[in-house]
Amino acid sequence: GTEPLYNVIEAEASRRGGPRLLSKPWNEFAAKYPNNGEYFSKMRPNSRKSMIKWFEGVQALVPDDLLSRGVAALSVGAESYLAMRSTFSRSLAMLTICMHVLGIGD
């Protein structure tokens, strides 16, 4: 079966004994904007610098090898790991190409 990327990352983080890495910062961020109408009006005044600082703080919570270890945990062996990694790479490449063709940025 398939597994959402977020779930793979969170499962691997919990296997390492850590907290749900992304849940806390996301919940704190989302709590500031209870409905979407307020979201855009409150986001506009934030500076690029403050958003980059917030993102880097969240990014620092995620170990570099978390995704790789999460995929490895889903694999039953080396062959299935390589197959999953290859499928993920092709899917990501196709998504990137489609976004480029449609003119959608990062």
C-alpha atoms as a PDB file:
ATOM      1  CA  GLY A   1       0.000   0.000   0.000  1.00  0.00           C
ATOM      2  CA  THR A   2       0.899   3.626  -0.026  1.00  0.00           C
ATOM      3  CA  GLU A   3       1.736   5.837   2.896  1.00  0.00           C
ATOM      4  CA  PRO A   4       1.577   9.647   2.982  1.00  0.00           C
ATOM      5  CA  LEU A   5       5.025  11.218   3.284  1.00  0.00           C
ATOM      6  CA  TYR A   6       4.007  13.085   6.446  1.00  0.00           C
ATOM      7  CA  ASN A   7       3.053   9.779   8.117  1.00  0.00           C
ATOM      8  CA  VAL A   8       6.392   8.181   7.164  1.00  0.00           C
ATOM      9  CA  ILE A   9       8.314  11.090   8.692  1.00  0.00           C
ATOM     10  CA  GLU A  10       6.199  11.157  11.868  1.00  0.00           C
ATOM     11  CA  ALA A  11       6.390   7.372  12.318  1.00  0.00           C
ATOM     12  CA  GLU A  12      10.177   7.389  12.007  1.00  0.00           C
ATOM     13  CA  ALA A  13      10.420  10.299  14.458  1.00  0.00           C
ATOM     14  CA  SER A  14       8.331   8.410  17.017  1.00  0.00           C
ATOM     15  CA  ARG A  15      10.447   5.250  16.503  1.00  0.00           C
ATOM     16  CA  ARG A  16      13.455   7.353  17.489  1.00  0.00           C
ATOM     17  CA  GLY A  17      11.666   8.220  20.715  1.00  0.00           C
ATOM     18  CA  GLY A  18      11.219  11.849  19.785  1.00  0.00           C
ATOM     19  CA  PRO A  19       8.060  13.924  19.877  1.00  0.00           C
ATOM     20  CA  ARG A  20       5.844  14.254  16.867  1.00  0.00           C
ATOM     21  CA  LEU A  21       8.319  16.599  15.247  1.00  0.00           C
ATOM     22  CA  LEU A  22       6.097  18.498  12.879  1.00  0.00           C
ATOM     23  CA  SER A  23       2.843  18.449  14.810  1.00  0.00           C
ATOM     24  CA  LYS A  24       3.783  20.918  17.515  1.00  0.00           C
ATOM     25  CA  PRO A  25       5.100  23.741  15.289  1.00  0.00           C
ATOM     26  CA  TRP A  26       2.270  23.221  12.816  1.00  0.00           C
ATOM     27  CA  ASN A  27      -0.406  23.280  15.521  1.00  0.00           C
ATOM     28  CA  GLU A  28       1.088  26.443  17.014  1.00  0.00           C
ATOM     29  CA  PHE A  29       1.174  28.055  13.573  1.00  0.00           C
ATOM     30  CA  ALA A  30      -2.350  26.953  12.622  1.00  0.00           C
ATOM     31  CA  ALA A  31      -3.799  28.071  15.991  1.00  0.00           C
ATOM     32  CA  LYS A  32      -3.001  31.654  15.035  1.00  0.00           C
ATOM     33  CA  TYR A  33      -5.367  31.397  12.055  1.00  0.00           C
ATOM     34  CA  PRO A  34      -8.621  29.666  13.086  1.00  0.00           C
ATOM     35  CA  ASN A  35     -10.230  30.312   9.719  1.00  0.00           C
ATOM     36  CA  ASN A  36      -8.619  30.762   6.324  1.00  0.00           C
ATOM     37  CA  GLY A  37      -9.993  34.269   5.832  1.00  0.00           C
ATOM     38  CA  GLU A  38      -7.808  35.539   8.636  1.00  0.00           C
ATOM     39  CA  TYR A  39      -4.787  33.603   7.439  1.00  0.00           C
ATOM     40  CA  PHE A  40      -3.929  35.712   4.411  1.00  0.00           C
ATOM     41  CA  SER A  41      -4.571  39.056   6.097  1.00  0.00           C
ATOM     42  CA  LYS A  42      -2.336  38.075   9.036  1.00  0.00           C
ATOM     43  CA  MET A  43       0.413  36.559   6.885  1.00  0.00           C
ATOM     44  CA  ARG A  44       0.934  39.643   4.710  1.00  0.00           C
ATOM     45  CA  PRO A  45       2.494  41.791   7.475  1.00  0.00           C
ATOM     46  CA  ASN A  46       5.079  39.101   8.337  1.00  0.00           C
ATOM     47  CA  SER A  47       8.474  39.829   6.894  1.00  0.00           C
ATOM     48  CA  ARG A  48      10.289  37.378   4.698  1.00  0.00           C
ATOM     49  CA  LYS A  49      13.051  37.294   7.301  1.00  0.00           C
ATOM     50  CA  SER A  50      10.672  36.245  10.110  1.00  0.00           C
ATOM     51  CA  MET A  51       9.111  33.495   7.969  1.00  0.00           C
ATOM     52  CA  ILE A  52      12.546  32.168   7.013  1.00  0.00           C
ATOM     53  CA  LYS A  53      13.536  32.153  10.697  1.00  0.00           C
ATOM     54  CA  TRP A  54      10.352  30.215  11.612  1.00  0.00           C
ATOM     55  CA  PHE A  55      10.897  27.704   8.784  1.00  0.00           C
ATOM     56  CA  GLU A  56      14.542  27.160   9.726  1.00  0.00           C
ATOM     57  CA  GLY A  57      13.466  26.490  13.315  1.00  0.00           C
ATOM     58  CA  VAL A  58      11.064  23.784  12.149  1.00  0.00           C
ATOM     59  CA  GLN A  59      13.653  22.422   9.726  1.00  0.00           C
ATOM     60  CA  ALA A  60      16.195  22.102  12.563  1.00  0.00           C
ATOM     61  CA  LEU A  61      13.815  19.709  14.354  1.00  0.00           C
ATOM     62  CA  VAL A  62      13.964  17.180  11.504  1.00  0.00           C
ATOM     63  CA  PRO A  63      17.106  15.006  11.330  1.00  0.00           C
ATOM     64  CA  ASP A  64      18.759  14.822   7.901  1.00  0.00           C
ATOM     65  CA  ASP A  65      18.207  11.090   7.468  1.00  0.00           C
ATOM     66  CA  LEU A  66      14.636  10.893   8.792  1.00  0.00           C
ATOM     67  CA  LEU A  67      12.952  10.281   5.421  1.00  0.00           C
ATOM     68  CA  SER A  68      15.515   7.700   4.351  1.00  0.00           C
ATOM     69  CA  ARG A  69      15.141   5.806   7.619  1.00  0.00           C
ATOM     70  CA  GLY A  70      11.356   6.009   7.396  1.00  0.00           C
ATOM     71  CA  VAL A  71      11.397   4.448   3.929  1.00  0.00           C
ATOM     72  CA  ALA A  72      13.854   1.813   5.152  1.00  0.00           C
ATOM     73  CA  ALA A  73      11.493   0.968   8.027  1.00  0.00           C
ATOM     74  CA  LEU A  74       8.689   0.351   5.517  1.00  0.00           C
ATOM     75  CA  SER A  75      10.901  -1.984   3.479  1.00  0.00           C
ATOM     76  CA  VAL A  76      11.200  -5.692   4.089  1.00  0.00           C
ATOM     77  CA  GLY A  77      14.660  -5.836   2.538  1.00  0.00           C
ATOM     78  CA  ALA A  78      17.255  -4.086   0.428  1.00  0.00           C
ATOM     79  CA  GLU A  79      15.473  -4.838  -2.852  1.00  0.00           C
ATOM     80  CA  SER A  80      12.151  -3.380  -1.703  1.00  0.00           C
ATOM     81  CA  TYR A  81      13.962  -0.329  -0.281  1.00  0.00           C
ATOM     82  CA  LEU A  82      15.610   0.345  -3.646  1.00  0.00           C
ATOM     83  CA  ALA A  83      12.299  -0.159  -5.445  1.00  0.00           C
ATOM     84  CA  MET A  84      10.497   2.278  -3.110  1.00  0.00           C
ATOM     85  CA  ARG A  85      13.299   4.812  -3.411  1.00  0.00           C
ATOM     86  CA  SER A  86      13.190   4.552  -7.192  1.00  0.00           C
ATOM     87  CA  THR A  87       9.400   4.949  -7.289  1.00  0.00           C
ATOM     88  CA  PHE A  88       9.601   7.966  -4.978  1.00  0.00           C
ATOM     89  CA  SER A  89      12.306   9.558  -7.147  1.00  0.00           C
ATOM     90  CA  ARG A  90      10.277   9.061 -10.335  1.00  0.00           C
ATOM     91  CA  SER A  91       7.125  10.421  -8.703  1.00  0.00           C
ATOM     92  CA  LEU A  92       8.952  13.478  -7.401  1.00  0.00           C
ATOM     93  CA  ALA A  93      10.562  14.076 -10.809  1.00  0.00           C
ATOM     94  CA  MET A  94       7.185  13.827 -12.556  1.00  0.00           C
ATOM     95  CA  LEU A  95       5.579  16.186 -10.068  1.00  0.00           C
ATOM     96  CA  THR A  96       8.391  18.694 -10.574  1.00  0.00           C
ATOM     97  CA  ILE A  97       8.062  18.514 -14.362  1.00  0.00           C
ATOM     98  CA  CYS A  98       4.280  18.983 -14.214  1.00  0.00           C
ATOM     99  CA  MET A  99       4.630  21.953 -11.885  1.00  0.00           C
ATOM    100  CA  HIS A 100       7.211  23.514 -14.196  1.00  0.00           C
ATOM    101  CA  VAL A 101       5.013  23.018 -17.268  1.00  0.00           C
ATOM    102  CA  LEU A 102       2.014  24.506 -15.434  1.00  0.00           C
ATOM    103  CA  GLY A 103       4.088  27.417 -14.170  1.00  0.00           C
ATOM    104  CA  ILE A 104       3.603  26.557 -10.509  1.00  0.00           C
ATOM    105  CA  GLY A 105       6.527  27.598  -8.318  1.00  0.00           C
ATOM    106  CA  ASP A 106       7.945  25.919  -5.246  1.00  0.00           C
END
